[in-house]
Amino acid sequence: MRSGSASKRMRLDKYLKVARLAKRRSEAKEALDAGRIECAGRPVKASYQVKVGDELLIHYARDDVRVRIDAVPERAAKGRAEKFYTLLPPDPKKLQQ
């Protein structure tokens, strides 16, 4: 990545690992390949470049989680994972079903 770049980006599978939304990068890739993670209503691939402001819908086994990307780190930093995203309330459309 070029220094001085205003918009940081990172592969989604790596971001999920760094933000601790997945235990391992390979686990994140499997979920992405299975279509269990969406951005803007569409399943995304592991190579998708996340950026600040993206909203993800993650379909875990027991629950769905919506998050907004608040920061894209240059490298992993222990203890800071919760600062990389914000949990969003569930989709109101799904609650009505």
PDB file of N, CA and C in Angstrom:
ATOM      1  N   MET A   1       0.847  -1.176   0.000  1.00  0.00           N
ATOM      2  CA  MET A   1       0.000   0.000   0.000  1.00  0.00           C
ATOM      3  C   MET A   1       0.891   1.237   0.000  1.00  0.00           C
ATOM      4  N   ARG A   2       0.541   2.184  -0.763  1.00  0.00           N
ATOM      5  CA  ARG A   2       1.330   3.414  -0.835  1.00  0.00           C
ATOM      6  C   ARG A   2       1.188   4.231   0.432  1.00  0.00           C
ATOM      7  N   SER A   3       2.288   4.842   0.829  1.00  0.00           N
ATOM      8  CA  SER A   3       2.197   5.712   2.003  1.00  0.00           C
ATOM      9  C   SER A   3       1.442   6.977   1.620  1.00  0.00           C
ATOM     10  N   GLY A   4       0.669   7.492   2.561  1.00  0.00           N
ATOM     11  CA  GLY A   4      -0.094   8.696   2.300  1.00  0.00           C
ATOM     12  C   GLY A   4      -1.427   8.429   1.631  1.00  0.00           C
ATOM     13  N   SER A   5      -1.775   7.168   1.446  1.00  0.00           N
ATOM     14  CA  SER A   5      -3.046   6.808   0.823  1.00  0.00           C
ATOM     15  C   SER A   5      -4.183   7.158   1.775  1.00  0.00           C
ATOM     16  N   ALA A   6      -5.183   7.888   1.288  1.00  0.00           N
ATOM     17  CA  ALA A   6      -6.278   8.334   2.133  1.00  0.00           C
ATOM     18  C   ALA A   6      -7.222   7.191   2.481  1.00  0.00           C
ATOM     19  N   SER A   7      -7.423   6.253   1.566  1.00  0.00           N
ATOM     20  CA  SER A   7      -8.371   5.175   1.829  1.00  0.00           C
ATOM     21  C   SER A   7      -7.638   3.847   1.954  1.00  0.00           C
ATOM     22  N   LYS A   8      -7.555   3.346   3.175  1.00  0.00           N
ATOM     23  CA  LYS A   8      -6.910   2.068   3.416  1.00  0.00           C
ATOM     24  C   LYS A   8      -7.868   0.957   3.026  1.00  0.00           C
ATOM     25  N   ARG A   9      -7.322  -0.109   2.502  1.00  0.00           N
ATOM     26  CA  ARG A   9      -8.115  -1.272   2.126  1.00  0.00           C
ATOM     27  C   ARG A   9      -7.382  -2.521   2.561  1.00  0.00           C
ATOM     28  N   MET A  10      -8.163  -3.602   2.734  1.00  0.00           N
ATOM     29  CA  MET A  10      -7.592  -4.877   3.141  1.00  0.00           C
ATOM     30  C   MET A  10      -8.519  -5.971   2.619  1.00  0.00           C
ATOM     31  N   ARG A  11      -7.931  -7.125   2.291  1.00  0.00           N
ATOM     32  CA  ARG A  11      -8.750  -8.263   1.883  1.00  0.00           C
ATOM     33  C   ARG A  11      -9.722  -8.602   3.011  1.00  0.00           C
ATOM     34  N   LEU A  12     -10.943  -8.962   2.641  1.00  0.00           N
ATOM     35  CA  LEU A  12     -11.969  -9.233   3.638  1.00  0.00           C
ATOM     36  C   LEU A  12     -11.608 -10.417   4.534  1.00  0.00           C
ATOM     37  N   ASP A  13     -11.046 -11.485   3.977  1.00  0.00           N
ATOM     38  CA  ASP A  13     -10.695 -12.627   4.825  1.00  0.00           C
ATOM     39  C   ASP A  13      -9.658 -12.240   5.873  1.00  0.00           C
ATOM     40  N   LYS A  14      -8.713 -11.420   5.502  1.00  0.00           N
ATOM     41  CA  LYS A  14      -7.704 -10.961   6.466  1.00  0.00           C
ATOM     42  C   LYS A  14      -8.332 -10.015   7.489  1.00  0.00           C
ATOM     43  N   TYR A  15      -9.214  -9.116   7.040  1.00  0.00           N
ATOM     44  CA  TYR A  15      -9.871  -8.185   7.953  1.00  0.00           C
ATOM     45  C   TYR A  15     -10.670  -8.932   9.018  1.00  0.00           C
ATOM     46  N   LEU A  16     -11.406  -9.963   8.605  1.00  0.00           N
ATOM     47  CA  LEU A  16     -12.211 -10.725   9.562  1.00  0.00           C
ATOM     48  C   LEU A  16     -11.338 -11.343  10.649  1.00  0.00           C
ATOM     49  N   LYS A  17     -10.159 -11.786  10.281  1.00  0.00           N
ATOM     50  CA  LYS A  17      -9.212 -12.353  11.251  1.00  0.00           C
ATOM     51  C   LYS A  17      -8.649 -11.258  12.165  1.00  0.00           C
ATOM     52  N   VAL A  18      -8.182 -10.176  11.586  1.00  0.00           N
ATOM     53  CA  VAL A  18      -7.579  -9.079  12.359  1.00  0.00           C
ATOM     54  C   VAL A  18      -8.599  -8.461  13.317  1.00  0.00           C
ATOM     55  N   ALA A  19      -9.851  -8.313  12.863  1.00  0.00           N
ATOM     56  CA  ALA A  19     -10.903  -7.726  13.700  1.00  0.00           C
ATOM     57  C   ALA A  19     -11.510  -8.758  14.652  1.00  0.00           C
ATOM     58  N   ARG A  20     -11.018  -9.972  14.591  1.00  0.00           N
ATOM     59  CA  ARG A  20     -11.458 -11.073  15.453  1.00  0.00           C
ATOM     60  C   ARG A  20     -12.932 -11.409  15.276  1.00  0.00           C
ATOM     61  N   LEU A  21     -13.423 -11.260  14.050  1.00  0.00           N
ATOM     62  CA  LEU A  21     -14.762 -11.712  13.709  1.00  0.00           C
ATOM     63  C   LEU A  21     -14.717 -13.165  13.230  1.00  0.00           C
ATOM     64  N   ALA A  22     -13.508 -13.664  12.989  1.00  0.00           N
ATOM     65  CA  ALA A  22     -13.268 -15.071  12.660  1.00  0.00           C
ATOM     66  C   ALA A  22     -12.009 -15.502  13.402  1.00  0.00           C
ATOM     67  N   LYS A  23     -11.982 -16.761  13.833  1.00  0.00           N
ATOM     68  CA  LYS A  23     -10.819 -17.241  14.593  1.00  0.00           C
ATOM     69  C   LYS A  23      -9.575 -17.368  13.723  1.00  0.00           C
ATOM     70  N   ARG A  24      -9.789 -17.875  12.518  1.00  0.00           N
ATOM     71  CA  ARG A  24      -8.657 -18.075  11.597  1.00  0.00           C
ATOM     72  C   ARG A  24      -9.014 -17.522  10.226  1.00  0.00           C
ATOM     73  N   ARG A  25      -8.006 -17.141   9.486  1.00  0.00           N
ATOM     74  CA  ARG A  25      -8.230 -16.611   8.146  1.00  0.00           C
ATOM     75  C   ARG A  25      -8.830 -17.681   7.237  1.00  0.00           C
ATOM     76  N   SER A  26      -8.398 -18.923   7.398  1.00  0.00           N
ATOM     77  CA  SER A  26      -8.945 -20.009   6.579  1.00  0.00           C
ATOM     78  C   SER A  26     -10.425 -20.228   6.893  1.00  0.00           C
ATOM     79  N   GLU A  27     -10.813 -20.043   8.149  1.00  0.00           N
ATOM     80  CA  GLU A  27     -12.212 -20.153   8.551  1.00  0.00           C
ATOM     81  C   GLU A  27     -13.033 -19.027   7.902  1.00  0.00           C
ATOM     82  N   ALA A  28     -12.480 -17.830   7.872  1.00  0.00           N
ATOM     83  CA  ALA A  28     -13.143 -16.698   7.229  1.00  0.00           C
ATOM     84  C   ALA A  28     -13.321 -16.969   5.739  1.00  0.00           C
ATOM     85  N   LYS A  29     -12.294 -17.510   5.096  1.00  0.00           N
ATOM     86  CA  LYS A  29     -12.372 -17.807   3.661  1.00  0.00           C
ATOM     87  C   LYS A  29     -13.448 -18.849   3.373  1.00  0.00           C
ATOM     88  N   GLU A  30     -13.553 -19.873   4.218  1.00  0.00           N
ATOM     89  CA  GLU A  30     -14.589 -20.892   4.037  1.00  0.00           C
ATOM     90  C   GLU A  30     -15.978 -20.275   4.123  1.00  0.00           C
ATOM     91  N   ALA A  31     -16.200 -19.384   5.100  1.00  0.00           N
ATOM     92  CA  ALA A  31     -17.495 -18.713   5.251  1.00  0.00           C
ATOM     93  C   ALA A  31     -17.792 -17.838   4.029  1.00  0.00           C
ATOM     94  N   LEU A  32     -16.776 -17.157   3.533  1.00  0.00           N
ATOM     95  CA  LEU A  32     -16.954 -16.309   2.353  1.00  0.00           C
ATOM     96  C   LEU A  32     -17.262 -17.156   1.124  1.00  0.00           C
ATOM     97  N   ASP A  33     -16.551 -18.267   0.946  1.00  0.00           N
ATOM     98  CA  ASP A  33     -16.790 -19.155  -0.193  1.00  0.00           C
ATOM     99  C   ASP A  33     -18.188 -19.759  -0.149  1.00  0.00           C
ATOM    100  N   ALA A  34     -18.728 -19.965   1.061  1.00  0.00           N
ATOM    101  CA  ALA A  34     -20.067 -20.531   1.222  1.00  0.00           C
ATOM    102  C   ALA A  34     -21.165 -19.473   1.104  1.00  0.00           C
ATOM    103  N   GLY A  35     -20.779 -18.199   0.957  1.00  0.00           N
ATOM    104  CA  GLY A  35     -21.762 -17.127   0.793  1.00  0.00           C
ATOM    105  C   GLY A  35     -22.405 -16.676   2.093  1.00  0.00           C
ATOM    106  N   ARG A  36     -21.771 -16.926   3.234  1.00  0.00           N
ATOM    107  CA  ARG A  36     -22.353 -16.572   4.522  1.00  0.00           C
ATOM    108  C   ARG A  36     -22.025 -15.149   4.976  1.00  0.00           C
ATOM    109  N   ILE A  37     -21.300 -14.402   4.162  1.00  0.00           N
ATOM    110  CA  ILE A  37     -20.979 -13.016   4.499  1.00  0.00           C
ATOM    111  C   ILE A  37     -21.368 -12.138   3.322  1.00  0.00           C
ATOM    112  N   GLU A  38     -22.142 -11.091   3.614  1.00  0.00           N
ATOM    113  CA  GLU A  38     -22.655 -10.202   2.578  1.00  0.00           C
ATOM    114  C   GLU A  38     -22.207  -8.768   2.815  1.00  0.00           C
ATOM    115  N   CYS A  39     -22.078  -8.035   1.728  1.00  0.00           N
ATOM    116  CA  CYS A  39     -21.827  -6.600   1.771  1.00  0.00           C
ATOM    117  C   CYS A  39     -22.765  -5.976   0.746  1.00  0.00           C
ATOM    118  N   ALA A  40     -23.537  -5.007   1.160  1.00  0.00           N
ATOM    119  CA  ALA A  40     -24.510  -4.345   0.289  1.00  0.00           C
ATOM    120  C   ALA A  40     -25.514  -5.348  -0.279  1.00  0.00           C
ATOM    121  N   GLY A  41     -25.891  -6.334   0.536  1.00  0.00           N
ATOM    122  CA  GLY A  41     -26.912  -7.288   0.118  1.00  0.00           C
ATOM    123  C   GLY A  41     -26.451  -8.398  -0.800  1.00  0.00           C
ATOM    124  N   ARG A  42     -25.162  -8.450  -1.098  1.00  0.00           N
ATOM    125  CA  ARG A  42     -24.636  -9.482  -1.990  1.00  0.00           C
ATOM    126  C   ARG A  42     -23.518 -10.254  -1.315  1.00  0.00           C
ATOM    127  N   PRO A  43     -23.472 -11.582  -1.529  1.00  0.00           N
ATOM    128  CA  PRO A  43     -22.339 -12.346  -1.005  1.00  0.00           C
ATOM    129  C   PRO A  43     -21.031 -11.825  -1.607  1.00  0.00           C
ATOM    130  N   VAL A  44     -19.989 -11.790  -0.800  1.00  0.00           N
ATOM    131  CA  VAL A  44     -18.694 -11.298  -1.272  1.00  0.00           C
ATOM    132  C   VAL A  44     -17.641 -12.389  -1.180  1.00  0.00           C
ATOM    133  N   LYS A  45     -16.584 -12.211  -1.938  1.00  0.00           N
ATOM    134  CA  LYS A  45     -15.488 -13.174  -1.951  1.00  0.00           C
ATOM    135  C   LYS A  45     -14.396 -12.741  -0.980  1.00  0.00           C
ATOM    136  N   ALA A  46     -13.488 -13.680  -0.694  1.00  0.00           N
ATOM    137  CA  ALA A  46     -12.391 -13.424   0.235  1.00  0.00           C
ATOM    138  C   ALA A  46     -11.508 -12.271  -0.230  1.00  0.00           C
ATOM    139  N   SER A  47     -11.413 -12.076  -1.528  1.00  0.00           N
ATOM    140  CA  SER A  47     -10.536 -11.045  -2.077  1.00  0.00           C
ATOM    141  C   SER A  47     -11.173  -9.651  -2.077  1.00  0.00           C
ATOM    142  N   TYR A  48     -12.431  -9.538  -1.651  1.00  0.00           N
ATOM    143  CA  TYR A  48     -13.093  -8.230  -1.602  1.00  0.00           C
ATOM    144  C   TYR A  48     -12.268  -7.285  -0.735  1.00  0.00           C
ATOM    145  N   GLN A  49     -12.042  -6.085  -1.207  1.00  0.00           N
ATOM    146  CA  GLN A  49     -11.251  -5.084  -0.483  1.00  0.00           C
ATOM    147  C   GLN A  49     -12.177  -4.237   0.393  1.00  0.00           C
ATOM    148  N   VAL A  50     -12.161  -4.486   1.710  1.00  0.00           N
ATOM    149  CA  VAL A  50     -13.016  -3.725   2.618  1.00  0.00           C
ATOM    150  C   VAL A  50     -12.463  -2.318   2.784  1.00  0.00           C
ATOM    151  N   LYS A  51     -13.367  -1.403   3.047  1.00  0.00           N
ATOM    152  CA  LYS A  51     -12.974  -0.013   3.297  1.00  0.00           C
ATOM    153  C   LYS A  51     -13.862   0.540   4.399  1.00  0.00           C
ATOM    154  N   VAL A  52     -13.442   1.616   5.002  1.00  0.00           N
ATOM    155  CA  VAL A  52     -14.207   2.250   6.075  1.00  0.00           C
ATOM    156  C   VAL A  52     -15.592   2.620   5.539  1.00  0.00           C
ATOM    157  N   GLY A  53     -16.614   2.282   6.323  1.00  0.00           N
ATOM    158  CA  GLY A  53     -17.992   2.588   5.939  1.00  0.00           C
ATOM    159  C   GLY A  53     -18.740   1.390   5.389  1.00  0.00           C
ATOM    160  N   ASP A  54     -18.043   0.343   4.963  1.00  0.00           N
ATOM    161  CA  ASP A  54     -18.721  -0.869   4.479  1.00  0.00           C
ATOM    162  C   ASP A  54     -19.531  -1.475   5.618  1.00  0.00           C
ATOM    163  N   GLU A  55     -20.705  -2.017   5.268  1.00  0.00           N
ATOM    164  CA  GLU A  55     -21.515  -2.743   6.239  1.00  0.00           C
ATOM    165  C   GLU A  55     -21.577  -4.197   5.821  1.00  0.00           C
ATOM    166  N   LEU A  56     -21.290  -5.077   6.764  1.00  0.00           N
ATOM    167  CA  LEU A  56     -21.272  -6.509   6.496  1.00  0.00           C
ATOM    168  C   LEU A  56     -22.388  -7.190   7.267  1.00  0.00           C
ATOM    169  N   LEU A  57     -22.968  -8.209   6.660  1.00  0.00           N
ATOM    170  CA  LEU A  57     -23.914  -9.077   7.332  1.00  0.00           C
ATOM    171  C   LEU A  57     -23.265 -10.449   7.385  1.00  0.00           C
ATOM    172  N   ILE A  58     -23.034 -10.936   8.600  1.00  0.00           N
ATOM    173  CA  ILE A  58     -22.349 -12.206   8.794  1.00  0.00           C
ATOM    174  C   ILE A  58     -23.355 -13.208   9.334  1.00  0.00           C
ATOM    175  N   HIS A  59     -23.540 -14.311   8.613  1.00  0.00           N
ATOM    176  CA  HIS A  59     -24.477 -15.358   9.012  1.00  0.00           C
ATOM    177  C   HIS A  59     -23.703 -16.421   9.788  1.00  0.00           C
ATOM    178  N   TYR A  60     -23.749 -16.327  11.124  1.00  0.00           N
ATOM    179  CA  TYR A  60     -23.155 -17.352  11.967  1.00  0.00           C
ATOM    180  C   TYR A  60     -24.173 -18.484  12.104  1.00  0.00           C
ATOM    181  N   ALA A  61     -23.780 -19.601  12.698  1.00  0.00           N
ATOM    182  CA  ALA A  61     -24.659 -20.765  12.827  1.00  0.00           C
ATOM    183  C   ALA A  61     -25.952 -20.439  13.580  1.00  0.00           C
ATOM    184  N   ARG A  62     -25.850 -19.679  14.642  1.00  0.00           N
ATOM    185  CA  ARG A  62     -27.032 -19.414  15.476  1.00  0.00           C
ATOM    186  C   ARG A  62     -27.631 -18.024  15.315  1.00  0.00           C
ATOM    187  N   ASP A  63     -26.890 -17.113  14.707  1.00  0.00           N
ATOM    188  CA  ASP A  63     -27.352 -15.729  14.673  1.00  0.00           C
ATOM    189  C   ASP A  63     -26.736 -14.998  13.486  1.00  0.00           C
ATOM    190  N   ASP A  64     -27.366 -13.902  13.121  1.00  0.00           N
ATOM    191  CA  ASP A  64     -26.809 -13.012  12.097  1.00  0.00           C
ATOM    192  C   ASP A  64     -26.277 -11.770  12.814  1.00  0.00           C
ATOM    193  N   VAL A  65     -25.126 -11.282  12.359  1.00  0.00           N
ATOM    194  CA  VAL A  65     -24.502 -10.107  12.970  1.00  0.00           C
ATOM    195  C   VAL A  65     -24.244  -9.082  11.877  1.00  0.00           C
ATOM    196  N   ARG A  66     -24.650  -7.828  12.144  1.00  0.00           N
ATOM    197  CA  ARG A  66     -24.362  -6.732  11.213  1.00  0.00           C
ATOM    198  C   ARG A  66     -23.291  -5.854  11.832  1.00  0.00           C
ATOM    199  N   VAL A  67     -22.268  -5.522  11.037  1.00  0.00           N
ATOM    200  CA  VAL A  67     -21.201  -4.646  11.513  1.00  0.00           C
ATOM    201  C   VAL A  67     -20.892  -3.586  10.467  1.00  0.00           C
ATOM    202  N   ARG A  68     -20.426  -2.430  10.949  1.00  0.00           N
ATOM    203  CA  ARG A  68     -19.951  -1.363  10.067  1.00  0.00           C
ATOM    204  C   ARG A  68     -18.451  -1.241  10.290  1.00  0.00           C
ATOM    205  N   ILE A  69     -17.684  -1.196   9.220  1.00  0.00           N
ATOM    206  CA  ILE A  69     -16.230  -1.068   9.298  1.00  0.00           C
ATOM    207  C   ILE A  69     -15.892   0.370   9.690  1.00  0.00           C
ATOM    208  N   ASP A  70     -15.208   0.527  10.818  1.00  0.00           N
ATOM    209  CA  ASP A  70     -14.815   1.857  11.303  1.00  0.00           C
ATOM    210  C   ASP A  70     -13.349   2.171  11.025  1.00  0.00           C
ATOM    211  N   ALA A  71     -12.529   1.133  10.915  1.00  0.00           N
ATOM    212  CA  ALA A  71     -11.097   1.336  10.668  1.00  0.00           C
ATOM    213  C   ALA A  71     -10.530   0.105   9.990  1.00  0.00           C
ATOM    214  N   VAL A  72      -9.572   0.343   9.116  1.00  0.00           N
ATOM    215  CA  VAL A  72      -8.849  -0.741   8.457  1.00  0.00           C
ATOM    216  C   VAL A  72      -7.395  -0.606   8.898  1.00  0.00           C
ATOM    217  N   PRO A  73      -6.961  -1.505   9.779  1.00  0.00           N
ATOM    218  CA  PRO A  73      -5.596  -1.386  10.318  1.00  0.00           C
ATOM    219  C   PRO A  73      -4.544  -1.777   9.292  1.00  0.00           C
ATOM    220  N   GLU A  74      -3.364  -1.244   9.448  1.00  0.00           N
ATOM    221  CA  GLU A  74      -2.262  -1.636   8.572  1.00  0.00           C
ATOM    222  C   GLU A  74      -1.735  -3.002   8.964  1.00  0.00           C
ATOM    223  N   ARG A  75      -1.829  -3.327  10.241  1.00  0.00           N
ATOM    224  CA  ARG A  75      -1.428  -4.654  10.722  1.00  0.00           C
ATOM    225  C   ARG A  75      -2.212  -4.967  11.991  1.00  0.00           C
ATOM    226  N   ALA A  76      -2.183  -6.221  12.369  1.00  0.00           N
ATOM    227  CA  ALA A  76      -2.923  -6.669  13.545  1.00  0.00           C
ATOM    228  C   ALA A  76      -2.332  -6.065  14.815  1.00  0.00           C
ATOM    229  N   ALA A  77      -3.217  -5.722  15.733  1.00  0.00           N
ATOM    230  CA  ALA A  77      -2.779  -5.185  17.018  1.00  0.00           C
ATOM    231  C   ALA A  77      -3.643  -5.807  18.108  1.00  0.00           C
ATOM    232  N   LYS A  78      -3.032  -6.543  19.005  1.00  0.00           N
ATOM    233  CA  LYS A  78      -3.789  -7.203  20.067  1.00  0.00           C
ATOM    234  C   LYS A  78      -4.499  -6.178  20.934  1.00  0.00           C
ATOM    235  N   GLY A  79      -5.731  -6.523  21.313  1.00  0.00           N
ATOM    236  CA  GLY A  79      -6.490  -5.675  22.217  1.00  0.00           C
ATOM    237  C   GLY A  79      -7.181  -4.494  21.573  1.00  0.00           C
ATOM    238  N   ARG A  80      -7.074  -4.338  20.261  1.00  0.00           N
ATOM    239  CA  ARG A  80      -7.701  -3.196  19.593  1.00  0.00           C
ATOM    240  C   ARG A  80      -8.786  -3.615  18.628  1.00  0.00           C
ATOM    241  N   ALA A  81      -9.094  -4.901  18.545  1.00  0.00           N
ATOM    242  CA  ALA A  81     -10.025  -5.420  17.547  1.00  0.00           C
ATOM    243  C   ALA A  81     -11.392  -4.750  17.610  1.00  0.00           C
ATOM    244  N   GLU A  82     -11.893  -4.449  18.806  1.00  0.00           N
ATOM    245  CA  GLU A  82     -13.226  -3.870  18.935  1.00  0.00           C
ATOM    246  C   GLU A  82     -13.302  -2.447  18.378  1.00  0.00           C
ATOM    247  N   LYS A  83     -12.164  -1.811  18.142  1.00  0.00           N
ATOM    248  CA  LYS A  83     -12.163  -0.457  17.585  1.00  0.00           C
ATOM    249  C   LYS A  83     -12.250  -0.456  16.057  1.00  0.00           C
ATOM    250  N   PHE A  84     -12.170  -1.637  15.450  1.00  0.00           N
ATOM    251  CA  PHE A  84     -12.167  -1.729  13.991  1.00  0.00           C
ATOM    252  C   PHE A  84     -13.573  -1.779  13.395  1.00  0.00           C
ATOM    253  N   TYR A  85     -14.591  -2.045  14.228  1.00  0.00           N
ATOM    254  CA  TYR A  85     -15.958  -2.150  13.709  1.00  0.00           C
ATOM    255  C   TYR A  85     -16.970  -1.768  14.786  1.00  0.00           C
ATOM    256  N   THR A  86     -18.205  -1.508  14.335  1.00  0.00           N
ATOM    257  CA  THR A  86     -19.312  -1.215  15.232  1.00  0.00           C
ATOM    258  C   THR A  86     -20.410  -2.236  14.971  1.00  0.00           C
ATOM    259  N   LEU A  87     -20.916  -2.863  16.032  1.00  0.00           N
ATOM    260  CA  LEU A  87     -22.060  -3.760  15.885  1.00  0.00           C
ATOM    261  C   LEU A  87     -23.297  -2.922  15.607  1.00  0.00           C
ATOM    262  N   LEU A  88     -24.067  -3.330  14.631  1.00  0.00           N
ATOM    263  CA  LEU A  88     -25.293  -2.631  14.266  1.00  0.00           C
ATOM    264  C   LEU A  88     -26.494  -3.451  14.714  1.00  0.00           C
ATOM    265  N   PRO A  89     -27.645  -2.799  14.933  1.00  0.00           N
ATOM    266  CA  PRO A  89     -28.837  -3.558  15.315  1.00  0.00           C
ATOM    267  C   PRO A  89     -29.266  -4.483  14.173  1.00  0.00           C
ATOM    268  N   PRO A  90     -30.026  -5.532  14.505  1.00  0.00           N
ATOM    269  CA  PRO A  90     -30.486  -6.448  13.459  1.00  0.00           C
ATOM    270  C   PRO A  90     -31.320  -5.733  12.408  1.00  0.00           C
ATOM    271  N   ASP A  91     -31.377  -6.314  11.234  1.00  0.00           N
ATOM    272  CA  ASP A  91     -32.142  -5.754  10.131  1.00  0.00           C
ATOM    273  C   ASP A  91     -33.629  -5.754  10.502  1.00  0.00           C
ATOM    274  N   PRO A  92     -34.302  -4.590  10.518  1.00  0.00           N
ATOM    275  CA  PRO A  92     -35.717  -4.543  10.921  1.00  0.00           C
ATOM    276  C   PRO A  92     -36.619  -5.369  10.012  1.00  0.00           C
ATOM    277  N   LYS A  93     -36.276  -5.553   8.767  1.00  0.00           N
ATOM    278  CA  LYS A  93     -37.083  -6.349   7.833  1.00  0.00           C
ATOM    279  C   LYS A  93     -37.141  -7.804   8.296  1.00  0.00           C
ATOM    280  N   LYS A  94     -36.024  -8.317   8.796  1.00  0.00           N
ATOM    281  CA  LYS A  94     -35.961  -9.720   9.236  1.00  0.00           C
ATOM    282  C   LYS A  94     -36.708  -9.907  10.551  1.00  0.00           C
ATOM    283  N   LEU A  95     -36.773  -8.874  11.391  1.00  0.00           N
ATOM    284  CA  LEU A  95     -37.460  -8.979  12.665  1.00  0.00           C
ATOM    285  C   LEU A  95     -38.970  -9.122  12.465  1.00  0.00           C
ATOM    286  N   GLN A  96     -39.512  -8.559  11.396  1.00  0.00           N
ATOM    287  CA  GLN A  96     -40.936  -8.612  11.125  1.00  0.00           C
ATOM    288  C   GLN A  96     -41.388  -9.973  10.620  1.00  0.00           C
ATOM    289  N   GLN A  97     -40.459 -10.803  10.168  1.00  0.00           N
ATOM    290  CA  GLN A  97     -40.829 -12.112   9.613  1.00  0.00           C
ATOM    291  C   GLN A  97     -41.129 -13.119  10.680  1.00  0.00           C
TER     292      GLN A  97
END
